[in-house]
Amino acid sequence: MGDQLDERRAARLSDALRRGPFDRALREAIVHRGLSLTRLRAHLDRMGVSVGQSTLSYWQRGLRRPAGKDADMVIRALEDVLRLPEKSLAALLDEGRKQSSFGRVADSDDKRQEMLSRLIPKLDMRSDTGRFGDTLEPLLVHDSVSLDENGVDRRMMSRTVVRALRGGIDRYLVLCNMEMTGYSAETVRLHTEEGCRPGRTRADQESGNLVVEIIFDRMLAEGDIHTFCYVVSAVDGKRVLEHCRTLPLPCDDLAQLTFHPEALPARCTRYVKGVRSGPVVEPGHLIIGSGNVASAYFPASEHSVVGVAIDW
């Protein structure tokens, strides 16, 4: 019986390596090798390759793909640990990139990290700043937005729940993308509420973006769950046509928009889509309930952009 099971596993792995996709091949390789994700991570650590257990889980479930400058090294290590032919996983990963109709979650995180890489030296801060997918796993993001009588976004409170993927993390960087908001860095302010305090703030003259260092009120150990909250306010800006958030990793998201009673929109529509220009999927009209609040809940999925479109 055991020999037959091994043969079936070997056949499934061979087919997955030949046909793909990447996540199926990785999943079958892990099963065939008889490793848990904990043991797989330990093998990688001994090779000097650090990958979070939740990240490995995302990869084998197809919710994310290896990306960034270390992706090739990680793939080679996986092929070695899983005793796979050289470049077998790498070939599937490249093929998946060519066939993708719109960006996956990793694309948004790469773009964010590219922006941050220019600004981190200006912050003169530690190199182990928390970032999603590397040191922190997002569990829930809750944005509460208040619009004034002109339909301008004056205040956004963001509450985030995270899990530490390794110990020693006590901060996170908030990137305020001025290109998306229509604000100027000089008129945007960020202050912290529970679970954190503000660190340093820097503006990038090239892009006009703003980066704020948020310091947690405690040092996180691996596996710790932490909630922190900050508020972004502005004194300028244009009428809001949508509220959107790019999610670096799959997590639950709740967006709530509170409208001024003298400036109620004609319609609000929730949507989810890929980070590249692609078809918007799962549109749905929202009810503006008591308190003039429209709420949109987005369960964790592979879609990297979630938002609410506003028709005035």
C-alpha atoms as a PDB file:
ATOM      1  CA  MET A   1       0.000   0.000   0.000  1.00  0.00           C
ATOM      2  CA  GLY A   2       2.820   2.388   0.898  1.00  0.00           C
ATOM      3  CA  ASP A   3       4.588   1.773  -2.417  1.00  0.00           C
ATOM      4  CA  GLN A   4       1.368   2.499  -4.338  1.00  0.00           C
ATOM      5  CA  LEU A   5       0.879   5.738  -2.437  1.00  0.00           C
ATOM      6  CA  ASP A   6       4.442   6.814  -3.199  1.00  0.00           C
ATOM      7  CA  GLU A   7       3.913   6.005  -6.865  1.00  0.00           C
ATOM      8  CA  ARG A   8       0.722   8.068  -7.009  1.00  0.00           C
ATOM      9  CA  ARG A   9       2.453  10.998  -5.306  1.00  0.00           C
ATOM     10  CA  ALA A  10       5.387  10.738  -7.701  1.00  0.00           C
ATOM     11  CA  ALA A  11       3.006  10.686 -10.685  1.00  0.00           C
ATOM     12  CA  ARG A  12       1.122  13.753  -9.424  1.00  0.00           C
ATOM     13  CA  LEU A  13       4.392  15.598  -8.859  1.00  0.00           C
ATOM     14  CA  SER A  14       5.679  14.719 -12.331  1.00  0.00           C
ATOM     15  CA  ASP A  15       2.458  15.960 -13.907  1.00  0.00           C
ATOM     16  CA  ALA A  16       2.517  19.178 -11.851  1.00  0.00           C
ATOM     17  CA  LEU A  17       6.125  19.917 -12.817  1.00  0.00           C
ATOM     18  CA  ARG A  18       5.253  19.372 -16.474  1.00  0.00           C
ATOM     19  CA  ARG A  19       1.929  21.246 -16.597  1.00  0.00           C
ATOM     20  CA  GLY A  20       2.044  23.631 -13.647  1.00  0.00           C
ATOM     21  CA  PRO A  21       0.991  25.958 -12.285  1.00  0.00           C
ATOM     22  CA  PHE A  22       3.718  26.913  -9.834  1.00  0.00           C
ATOM     23  CA  ASP A  23       1.587  26.610  -6.683  1.00  0.00           C
ATOM     24  CA  ARG A  24       0.369  23.105  -7.589  1.00  0.00           C
ATOM     25  CA  ALA A  25       3.921  21.927  -8.282  1.00  0.00           C
ATOM     26  CA  LEU A  26       5.188  23.365  -5.009  1.00  0.00           C
ATOM     27  CA  ARG A  27       2.320  21.768  -3.078  1.00  0.00           C
ATOM     28  CA  GLU A  28       2.871  18.346  -4.663  1.00  0.00           C
ATOM     29  CA  ALA A  29       6.635  18.577  -4.080  1.00  0.00           C
ATOM     30  CA  ILE A  30       6.146  19.298  -0.388  1.00  0.00           C
ATOM     31  CA  VAL A  31       3.746  16.352  -0.022  1.00  0.00           C
ATOM     32  CA  HIS A  32       6.052  14.023  -1.960  1.00  0.00           C
ATOM     33  CA  ARG A  33       9.018  15.038   0.202  1.00  0.00           C
ATOM     34  CA  GLY A  34       6.937  14.428   3.343  1.00  0.00           C
ATOM     35  CA  LEU A  35       7.729  17.790   4.911  1.00  0.00           C
ATOM     36  CA  SER A  36       5.559  20.054   7.020  1.00  0.00           C
ATOM     37  CA  LEU A  37       5.868  23.787   6.371  1.00  0.00           C
ATOM     38  CA  THR A  38       7.652  24.113   9.712  1.00  0.00           C
ATOM     39  CA  ARG A  39      10.300  21.575   8.689  1.00  0.00           C
ATOM     40  CA  LEU A  40      10.596  23.079   5.201  1.00  0.00           C
ATOM     41  CA  ARG A  41      11.205  26.487   6.728  1.00  0.00           C
ATOM     42  CA  ALA A  42      13.840  24.998   9.051  1.00  0.00           C
ATOM     43  CA  HIS A  43      15.685  23.451   6.086  1.00  0.00           C
ATOM     44  CA  LEU A  44      15.668  26.804   4.293  1.00  0.00           C
ATOM     45  CA  ASP A  45      16.919  28.587   7.405  1.00  0.00           C
ATOM     46  CA  ARG A  46      19.900  26.232   7.583  1.00  0.00           C
ATOM     47  CA  MET A  47      20.719  27.205   4.003  1.00  0.00           C
ATOM     48  CA  GLY A  48      20.665  30.881   4.966  1.00  0.00           C
ATOM     49  CA  VAL A  49      17.314  31.544   3.265  1.00  0.00           C
ATOM     50  CA  SER A  50      14.702  33.148   5.506  1.00  0.00           C
ATOM     51  CA  VAL A  51      11.077  32.618   4.462  1.00  0.00           C
ATOM     52  CA  GLY A  52       8.105  32.919   6.800  1.00  0.00           C
ATOM     53  CA  GLN A  53       5.873  29.881   7.283  1.00  0.00           C
ATOM     54  CA  SER A  54       2.788  31.899   6.320  1.00  0.00           C
ATOM     55  CA  THR A  55       4.571  33.023   3.142  1.00  0.00           C
ATOM     56  CA  LEU A  56       5.232  29.395   2.189  1.00  0.00           C
ATOM     57  CA  SER A  57       1.556  28.699   2.809  1.00  0.00           C
ATOM     58  CA  TYR A  58       0.535  31.576   0.515  1.00  0.00           C
ATOM     59  CA  TRP A  59       2.836  30.260  -2.225  1.00  0.00           C
ATOM     60  CA  GLN A  60       1.486  26.706  -2.176  1.00  0.00           C
ATOM     61  CA  ARG A  61      -2.121  27.970  -2.128  1.00  0.00           C
ATOM     62  CA  GLY A  62      -1.556  30.259  -5.122  1.00  0.00           C
ATOM     63  CA  LEU A  63      -2.328  33.443  -3.199  1.00  0.00           C
ATOM     64  CA  ARG A  64       1.134  34.841  -3.760  1.00  0.00           C
ATOM     65  CA  ARG A  65       4.300  34.102  -5.733  1.00  0.00           C
ATOM     66  CA  PRO A  66       7.980  34.565  -4.887  1.00  0.00           C
ATOM     67  CA  ALA A  67       9.011  38.038  -6.030  1.00  0.00           C
ATOM     68  CA  GLY A  68      11.743  40.594  -5.508  1.00  0.00           C
ATOM     69  CA  LYS A  69      15.507  40.512  -5.788  1.00  0.00           C
ATOM     70  CA  ASP A  70      15.863  37.349  -3.642  1.00  0.00           C
ATOM     71  CA  ALA A  71      13.267  35.294  -5.540  1.00  0.00           C
ATOM     72  CA  ASP A  72      15.804  33.367  -7.657  1.00  0.00           C
ATOM     73  CA  MET A  73      17.850  32.399  -4.596  1.00  0.00           C
ATOM     74  CA  VAL A  74      14.730  31.230  -2.744  1.00  0.00           C
ATOM     75  CA  ILE A  75      13.571  29.131  -5.711  1.00  0.00           C
ATOM     76  CA  ARG A  76      16.972  27.446  -6.019  1.00  0.00           C
ATOM     77  CA  ALA A  77      16.892  26.624  -2.303  1.00  0.00           C
ATOM     78  CA  LEU A  78      13.376  25.174  -2.581  1.00  0.00           C
ATOM     79  CA  GLU A  79      14.405  22.997  -5.502  1.00  0.00           C
ATOM     80  CA  ASP A  80      17.387  21.745  -3.489  1.00  0.00           C
ATOM     81  CA  VAL A  81      15.431  20.992  -0.296  1.00  0.00           C
ATOM     82  CA  LEU A  82      12.553  19.379  -2.198  1.00  0.00           C
ATOM     83  CA  ARG A  83      14.995  17.380  -4.379  1.00  0.00           C
ATOM     84  CA  LEU A  84      13.596  18.708  -7.637  1.00  0.00           C
ATOM     85  CA  PRO A  85      15.328  19.066 -11.006  1.00  0.00           C
ATOM     86  CA  GLU A  86      17.242  22.315 -11.391  1.00  0.00           C
ATOM     87  CA  LYS A  87      15.084  25.230 -12.633  1.00  0.00           C
ATOM     88  CA  SER A  88      11.903  23.111 -12.602  1.00  0.00           C
ATOM     89  CA  LEU A  89      10.091  25.490 -10.237  1.00  0.00           C
ATOM     90  CA  ALA A  90      11.786  28.541 -11.766  1.00  0.00           C
ATOM     91  CA  ALA A  91      10.412  27.660 -15.216  1.00  0.00           C
ATOM     92  CA  LEU A  92       6.850  27.432 -13.870  1.00  0.00           C
ATOM     93  CA  LEU A  93       7.219  30.708 -12.033  1.00  0.00           C
ATOM     94  CA  ASP A  94       8.399  32.475 -15.208  1.00  0.00           C
ATOM     95  CA  GLU A  95       5.560  30.944 -17.219  1.00  0.00           C
ATOM     96  CA  GLY A  96       3.027  32.105 -14.659  1.00  0.00           C
ATOM     97  CA  ARG A  97       4.321  35.667 -14.902  1.00  0.00           C
ATOM     98  CA  LYS A  98       3.870  35.620 -18.700  1.00  0.00           C
ATOM     99  CA  GLN A  99       0.300  34.272 -18.510  1.00  0.00           C
ATOM    100  CA  SER A 100      -0.946  36.510 -15.696  1.00  0.00           C
ATOM    101  CA  SER A 101      -3.766  38.753 -16.936  1.00  0.00           C
ATOM    102  CA  PHE A 102      -3.318  41.174 -14.075  1.00  0.00           C
ATOM    103  CA  GLY A 103      -0.910  41.711 -11.228  1.00  0.00           C
ATOM    104  CA  ARG A 104      -1.009  39.463  -8.214  1.00  0.00           C
ATOM    105  CA  VAL A 105      -0.560  40.614  -4.644  1.00  0.00           C
ATOM    106  CA  ALA A 106       3.226  40.480  -4.889  1.00  0.00           C
ATOM    107  CA  ASP A 107       3.250  43.152  -7.588  1.00  0.00           C
ATOM    108  CA  SER A 108       1.758  45.766  -5.274  1.00  0.00           C
ATOM    109  CA  ASP A 109       4.205  44.875  -2.530  1.00  0.00           C
ATOM    110  CA  ASP A 110       7.157  45.137  -4.949  1.00  0.00           C
ATOM    111  CA  LYS A 111       6.094  48.620  -6.014  1.00  0.00           C
ATOM    112  CA  ARG A 112       5.681  49.699  -2.414  1.00  0.00           C
ATOM    113  CA  GLN A 113       9.081  48.304  -1.449  1.00  0.00           C
ATOM    114  CA  GLU A 114      10.665  50.056  -4.432  1.00  0.00           C
ATOM    115  CA  MET A 115       9.338  53.391  -3.170  1.00  0.00           C
ATOM    116  CA  LEU A 116      10.404  52.663   0.388  1.00  0.00           C
ATOM    117  CA  SER A 117      13.912  51.620  -0.657  1.00  0.00           C
ATOM    118  CA  ARG A 118      14.537  55.179  -1.817  1.00  0.00           C
ATOM    119  CA  LEU A 119      13.182  56.727   1.352  1.00  0.00           C
ATOM    120  CA  ILE A 120      14.484  54.426   4.120  1.00  0.00           C
ATOM    121  CA  PRO A 121      18.026  55.910   3.965  1.00  0.00           C
ATOM    122  CA  LYS A 122      16.521  59.355   4.494  1.00  0.00           C
ATOM    123  CA  LEU A 123      14.807  58.089   7.634  1.00  0.00           C
ATOM    124  CA  ASP A 124      18.135  56.882   9.034  1.00  0.00           C
ATOM    125  CA  MET A 125      16.334  54.012  10.691  1.00  0.00           C
ATOM    126  CA  ARG A 126      16.916  50.360  11.507  1.00  0.00           C
ATOM    127  CA  SER A 127      16.937  47.854   8.678  1.00  0.00           C
ATOM    128  CA  ASP A 128      14.509  45.433  10.410  1.00  0.00           C
ATOM    129  CA  THR A 129      11.455  47.639  10.017  1.00  0.00           C
ATOM    130  CA  GLY A 130       8.291  45.553   9.868  1.00  0.00           C
ATOM    131  CA  ARG A 131       6.918  44.942   6.416  1.00  0.00           C
ATOM    132  CA  PHE A 132       4.141  42.695   5.190  1.00  0.00           C
ATOM    133  CA  GLY A 133       5.203  39.302   3.882  1.00  0.00           C
ATOM    134  CA  ASP A 134       8.634  39.504   5.491  1.00  0.00           C
ATOM    135  CA  THR A 135       8.228  40.275   9.188  1.00  0.00           C
ATOM    136  CA  LEU A 136       4.508  41.005   9.572  1.00  0.00           C
ATOM    137  CA  GLU A 137       1.395  39.183   8.370  1.00  0.00           C
ATOM    138  CA  PRO A 138      -1.701  41.399   7.979  1.00  0.00           C
ATOM    139  CA  LEU A 139      -4.879  39.901   9.407  1.00  0.00           C
ATOM    140  CA  LEU A 140      -7.343  42.796   9.202  1.00  0.00           C
ATOM    141  CA  VAL A 141      -7.317  46.369   7.897  1.00  0.00           C
ATOM    142  CA  HIS A 142     -10.168  48.697   8.860  1.00  0.00           C
ATOM    143  CA  ASP A 143     -10.329  52.139   7.203  1.00  0.00           C
ATOM    144  CA  SER A 144     -12.856  54.678   8.441  1.00  0.00           C
ATOM    145  CA  VAL A 145     -13.084  57.733   6.182  1.00  0.00           C
ATOM    146  CA  SER A 146     -14.937  60.993   6.908  1.00  0.00           C
ATOM    147  CA  LEU A 147     -15.942  63.275   4.026  1.00  0.00           C
ATOM    148  CA  ASP A 148     -16.977  66.921   4.407  1.00  0.00           C
ATOM    149  CA  GLU A 149     -19.808  68.923   2.820  1.00  0.00           C
ATOM    150  CA  ASN A 150     -17.770  69.217  -0.394  1.00  0.00           C
ATOM    151  CA  GLY A 151     -17.147  65.497  -0.653  1.00  0.00           C
ATOM    152  CA  VAL A 152     -13.492  65.925   0.311  1.00  0.00           C
ATOM    153  CA  ASP A 153     -11.725  63.269   2.372  1.00  0.00           C
ATOM    154  CA  ARG A 154     -10.627  65.164   5.486  1.00  0.00           C
ATOM    155  CA  ARG A 155      -9.851  62.325   7.887  1.00  0.00           C
ATOM    156  CA  MET A 156      -9.063  58.629   7.624  1.00  0.00           C
ATOM    157  CA  MET A 157      -8.593  56.391  10.644  1.00  0.00           C
ATOM    158  CA  SER A 158      -6.805  53.140   9.835  1.00  0.00           C
ATOM    159  CA  ARG A 159      -6.783  50.264  12.315  1.00  0.00           C
ATOM    160  CA  THR A 160      -4.575  47.275  11.442  1.00  0.00           C
ATOM    161  CA  VAL A 161      -4.232  43.854  13.058  1.00  0.00           C
ATOM    162  CA  VAL A 162      -0.955  42.024  12.349  1.00  0.00           C
ATOM    163  CA  ARG A 163       0.866  38.849  13.365  1.00  0.00           C
ATOM    164  CA  ALA A 164       4.654  38.905  13.833  1.00  0.00           C
ATOM    165  CA  LEU A 165       6.413  36.368  11.603  1.00  0.00           C
ATOM    166  CA  ARG A 166       9.585  36.667  13.658  1.00  0.00           C
ATOM    167  CA  GLY A 167      10.627  38.260  16.916  1.00  0.00           C
ATOM    168  CA  GLY A 168      12.165  41.659  17.534  1.00  0.00           C
ATOM    169  CA  ILE A 169       9.778  43.737  15.402  1.00  0.00           C
ATOM    170  CA  ASP A 170       8.590  46.982  16.956  1.00  0.00           C
ATOM    171  CA  ARG A 171       7.776  49.312  14.054  1.00  0.00           C
ATOM    172  CA  TYR A 172       6.205  49.720  10.639  1.00  0.00           C
ATOM    173  CA  LEU A 173       6.389  52.229   7.792  1.00  0.00           C
ATOM    174  CA  VAL A 174       3.249  53.943   6.499  1.00  0.00           C
ATOM    175  CA  LEU A 175       3.548  55.106   2.888  1.00  0.00           C
ATOM    176  CA  CYS A 176       1.174  57.929   1.947  1.00  0.00           C
ATOM    177  CA  ASN A 177       0.960  57.910  -1.849  1.00  0.00           C
ATOM    178  CA  MET A 178       0.193  61.506  -2.796  1.00  0.00           C
ATOM    179  CA  GLU A 179      -0.318  60.573  -6.456  1.00  0.00           C
ATOM    180  CA  MET A 180      -3.335  58.473  -5.479  1.00  0.00           C
ATOM    181  CA  THR A 181      -4.833  60.826  -2.898  1.00  0.00           C
ATOM    182  CA  GLY A 182      -4.405  64.131  -4.722  1.00  0.00           C
ATOM    183  CA  TYR A 183      -3.023  65.774  -1.595  1.00  0.00           C
ATOM    184  CA  SER A 184       0.323  67.469  -1.101  1.00  0.00           C
ATOM    185  CA  ALA A 185       2.764  66.173   1.513  1.00  0.00           C
ATOM    186  CA  GLU A 186       2.950  69.608   3.160  1.00  0.00           C
ATOM    187  CA  THR A 187      -0.731  69.559   4.133  1.00  0.00           C
ATOM    188  CA  VAL A 188      -1.071  65.937   5.262  1.00  0.00           C
ATOM    189  CA  ARG A 189      -0.703  65.036   8.927  1.00  0.00           C
ATOM    190  CA  LEU A 190      -0.544  61.635  10.585  1.00  0.00           C
ATOM    191  CA  HIS A 191      -1.027  61.036  14.285  1.00  0.00           C
ATOM    192  CA  THR A 192      -1.196  57.787  16.186  1.00  0.00           C
ATOM    193  CA  GLU A 193      -3.795  56.407  18.547  1.00  0.00           C
ATOM    194  CA  GLU A 194      -3.749  53.040  20.307  1.00  0.00           C
ATOM    195  CA  GLY A 195      -0.955  50.544  20.050  1.00  0.00           C
ATOM    196  CA  CYS A 196       1.734  52.824  18.626  1.00  0.00           C
ATOM    197  CA  ARG A 197       3.429  56.203  18.613  1.00  0.00           C
ATOM    198  CA  PRO A 198       4.840  58.292  15.749  1.00  0.00           C
ATOM    199  CA  GLY A 199       8.499  58.060  14.771  1.00  0.00           C
ATOM    200  CA  ARG A 200      10.206  60.033  12.038  1.00  0.00           C
ATOM    201  CA  THR A 201       8.518  61.523   8.976  1.00  0.00           C
ATOM    202  CA  ARG A 202      10.130  62.084   5.599  1.00  0.00           C
ATOM    203  CA  ALA A 203       8.870  63.418   2.265  1.00  0.00           C
ATOM    204  CA  ASP A 204      10.334  62.364  -1.067  1.00  0.00           C
ATOM    205  CA  GLN A 205      10.841  65.374  -3.325  1.00  0.00           C
ATOM    206  CA  GLU A 206      11.011  63.189  -6.434  1.00  0.00           C
ATOM    207  CA  SER A 207       7.646  61.469  -6.038  1.00  0.00           C
ATOM    208  CA  GLY A 208       5.987  63.764  -3.510  1.00  0.00           C
ATOM    209  CA  ASN A 209       5.168  60.759  -1.329  1.00  0.00           C
ATOM    210  CA  LEU A 210       5.276  60.797   2.441  1.00  0.00           C
ATOM    211  CA  VAL A 211       6.666  58.092   4.718  1.00  0.00           C
ATOM    212  CA  VAL A 212       5.918  57.936   8.432  1.00  0.00           C
ATOM    213  CA  GLU A 213       7.618  55.580  10.860  1.00  0.00           C
ATOM    214  CA  ILE A 214       5.160  54.063  13.352  1.00  0.00           C
ATOM    215  CA  ILE A 215       6.656  52.551  16.501  1.00  0.00           C
ATOM    216  CA  PHE A 216       4.647  49.907  18.337  1.00  0.00           C
ATOM    217  CA  ASP A 217       4.130  50.226  22.086  1.00  0.00           C
ATOM    218  CA  ARG A 218       5.862  46.868  22.606  1.00  0.00           C
ATOM    219  CA  MET A 219       8.444  44.617  21.029  1.00  0.00           C
ATOM    220  CA  LEU A 220       6.729  41.724  19.257  1.00  0.00           C
ATOM    221  CA  ALA A 221       7.756  38.099  19.671  1.00  0.00           C
ATOM    222  CA  GLU A 222       7.193  35.603  16.858  1.00  0.00           C
ATOM    223  CA  GLY A 223       3.494  34.790  16.610  1.00  0.00           C
ATOM    224  CA  ASP A 224       2.345  37.836  18.615  1.00  0.00           C
ATOM    225  CA  ILE A 225      -0.826  39.524  17.373  1.00  0.00           C
ATOM    226  CA  HIS A 226      -0.823  43.310  17.627  1.00  0.00           C
ATOM    227  CA  THR A 227      -3.375  46.029  16.834  1.00  0.00           C
ATOM    228  CA  PHE A 228      -2.335  49.574  16.029  1.00  0.00           C
ATOM    229  CA  CYS A 229      -4.244  52.608  14.828  1.00  0.00           C
ATOM    230  CA  TYR A 230      -3.304  55.873  13.147  1.00  0.00           C
ATOM    231  CA  VAL A 231      -5.209  58.815  11.654  1.00  0.00           C
ATOM    232  CA  VAL A 232      -4.358  60.695   8.459  1.00  0.00           C
ATOM    233  CA  SER A 233      -5.880  64.144   8.022  1.00  0.00           C
ATOM    234  CA  ALA A 234      -5.494  66.835   5.359  1.00  0.00           C
ATOM    235  CA  VAL A 235      -6.501  70.435   4.752  1.00  0.00           C
ATOM    236  CA  ASP A 236      -6.525  70.306   0.973  1.00  0.00           C
ATOM    237  CA  GLY A 237      -7.637  67.802  -1.635  1.00  0.00           C
ATOM    238  CA  LYS A 238     -10.308  67.259  -4.260  1.00  0.00           C
ATOM    239  CA  ARG A 239     -13.731  65.665  -4.174  1.00  0.00           C
ATOM    240  CA  VAL A 240     -13.302  61.951  -3.571  1.00  0.00           C
ATOM    241  CA  LEU A 241     -14.285  59.677  -6.447  1.00  0.00           C
ATOM    242  CA  GLU A 242     -13.101  56.468  -4.813  1.00  0.00           C
ATOM    243  CA  HIS A 243     -11.440  55.063  -1.719  1.00  0.00           C
ATOM    244  CA  CYS A 244      -9.078  52.214  -2.459  1.00  0.00           C
ATOM    245  CA  ARG A 245      -6.358  50.266  -0.728  1.00  0.00           C
ATOM    246  CA  THR A 246      -3.617  48.105  -2.222  1.00  0.00           C
ATOM    247  CA  LEU A 247      -3.213  45.006  -0.075  1.00  0.00           C
ATOM    248  CA  PRO A 248       0.349  43.635   0.004  1.00  0.00           C
ATOM    249  CA  LEU A 249      -0.951  40.235   1.160  1.00  0.00           C
ATOM    250  CA  PRO A 250      -4.390  38.630   1.395  1.00  0.00           C
ATOM    251  CA  CYS A 251      -6.205  39.830   4.511  1.00  0.00           C
ATOM    252  CA  ASP A 252      -9.688  40.880   5.565  1.00  0.00           C
ATOM    253  CA  ASP A 253     -10.478  44.518   4.819  1.00  0.00           C
ATOM    254  CA  LEU A 254     -13.312  46.729   6.026  1.00  0.00           C
ATOM    255  CA  ALA A 255     -13.829  50.161   4.467  1.00  0.00           C
ATOM    256  CA  GLN A 256     -16.382  52.555   5.964  1.00  0.00           C
ATOM    257  CA  LEU A 257     -17.164  55.946   4.437  1.00  0.00           C
ATOM    258  CA  THR A 258     -19.103  58.532   6.441  1.00  0.00           C
ATOM    259  CA  PHE A 259     -20.724  61.235   4.308  1.00  0.00           C
ATOM    260  CA  HIS A 260     -21.812  64.725   5.288  1.00  0.00           C
ATOM    261  CA  PRO A 261     -25.651  64.942   5.373  1.00  0.00           C
ATOM    262  CA  GLU A 262     -25.523  67.795   2.840  1.00  0.00           C
ATOM    263  CA  ALA A 263     -23.314  65.853   0.423  1.00  0.00           C
ATOM    264  CA  LEU A 264     -24.717  62.359  -0.033  1.00  0.00           C
ATOM    265  CA  PRO A 265     -23.584  60.514  -3.168  1.00  0.00           C
ATOM    266  CA  ALA A 266     -25.911  59.132  -5.828  1.00  0.00           C
ATOM    267  CA  ARG A 267     -24.326  55.704  -5.551  1.00  0.00           C
ATOM    268  CA  CYS A 268     -21.449  53.793  -3.907  1.00  0.00           C
ATOM    269  CA  THR A 269     -20.041  50.638  -5.463  1.00  0.00           C
ATOM    270  CA  ARG A 270     -17.597  48.169  -3.915  1.00  0.00           C
ATOM    271  CA  TYR A 271     -15.034  46.493  -6.160  1.00  0.00           C
ATOM    272  CA  VAL A 272     -11.986  44.248  -6.126  1.00  0.00           C
ATOM    273  CA  LYS A 273      -9.412  43.969  -8.903  1.00  0.00           C
ATOM    274  CA  GLY A 274      -5.788  43.305  -9.757  1.00  0.00           C
ATOM    275  CA  VAL A 275      -3.104  45.909  -9.294  1.00  0.00           C
ATOM    276  CA  ARG A 276      -2.469  46.186 -13.029  1.00  0.00           C
ATOM    277  CA  SER A 277      -5.151  47.580 -15.300  1.00  0.00           C
ATOM    278  CA  GLY A 278      -7.545  44.696 -15.609  1.00  0.00           C
ATOM    279  CA  PRO A 279     -11.243  43.981 -15.332  1.00  0.00           C
ATOM    280  CA  VAL A 280     -12.925  45.001 -12.128  1.00  0.00           C
ATOM    281  CA  VAL A 281     -14.588  41.968 -10.586  1.00  0.00           C
ATOM    282  CA  GLU A 282     -17.237  41.460  -7.933  1.00  0.00           C
ATOM    283  CA  PRO A 283     -18.859  44.902  -8.172  1.00  0.00           C
ATOM    284  CA  GLY A 284     -21.697  45.542  -5.756  1.00  0.00           C
ATOM    285  CA  HIS A 285     -23.837  48.519  -4.807  1.00  0.00           C
ATOM    286  CA  LEU A 286     -23.666  49.630  -1.182  1.00  0.00           C
ATOM    287  CA  ILE A 287     -26.442  50.917   1.040  1.00  0.00           C
ATOM    288  CA  ILE A 288     -25.831  54.219   2.787  1.00  0.00           C
ATOM    289  CA  GLY A 289     -27.310  53.459   6.182  1.00  0.00           C
ATOM    290  CA  SER A 290     -27.953  55.333   9.392  1.00  0.00           C
ATOM    291  CA  GLY A 291     -25.285  57.855  10.234  1.00  0.00           C
ATOM    292  CA  ASN A 292     -24.723  58.296   6.470  1.00  0.00           C
ATOM    293  CA  VAL A 293     -22.229  55.415   6.501  1.00  0.00           C
ATOM    294  CA  ALA A 294     -21.469  53.079   3.603  1.00  0.00           C
ATOM    295  CA  SER A 295     -19.628  49.901   4.652  1.00  0.00           C
ATOM    296  CA  ALA A 296     -17.779  47.484   2.387  1.00  0.00           C
ATOM    297  CA  TYR A 297     -16.298  44.250   3.713  1.00  0.00           C
ATOM    298  CA  PHE A 298     -13.707  42.398   1.648  1.00  0.00           C
ATOM    299  CA  PRO A 299     -12.745  38.875   2.796  1.00  0.00           C
ATOM    300  CA  ALA A 300      -9.160  37.850   2.136  1.00  0.00           C
ATOM    301  CA  SER A 301      -8.599  36.883  -1.509  1.00  0.00           C
ATOM    302  CA  GLU A 302      -5.928  36.920  -4.181  1.00  0.00           C
ATOM    303  CA  HIS A 303      -7.138  40.300  -5.477  1.00  0.00           C
ATOM    304  CA  SER A 304      -4.714  43.014  -4.505  1.00  0.00           C
ATOM    305  CA  VAL A 305      -6.824  46.184  -4.805  1.00  0.00           C
ATOM    306  CA  VAL A 306     -10.100  46.714  -2.968  1.00  0.00           C
ATOM    307  CA  GLY A 307     -12.148  49.871  -2.932  1.00  0.00           C
ATOM    308  CA  VAL A 308     -15.356  51.846  -3.059  1.00  0.00           C
ATOM    309  CA  ALA A 309     -16.234  53.955  -6.110  1.00  0.00           C
ATOM    310  CA  ILE A 310     -18.388  57.054  -5.516  1.00  0.00           C
ATOM    311  CA  ASP A 311     -20.816  58.576  -8.023  1.00  0.00           C
ATOM    312  CA  TRP A 312     -21.964  62.076  -7.143  1.00  0.00           C
END
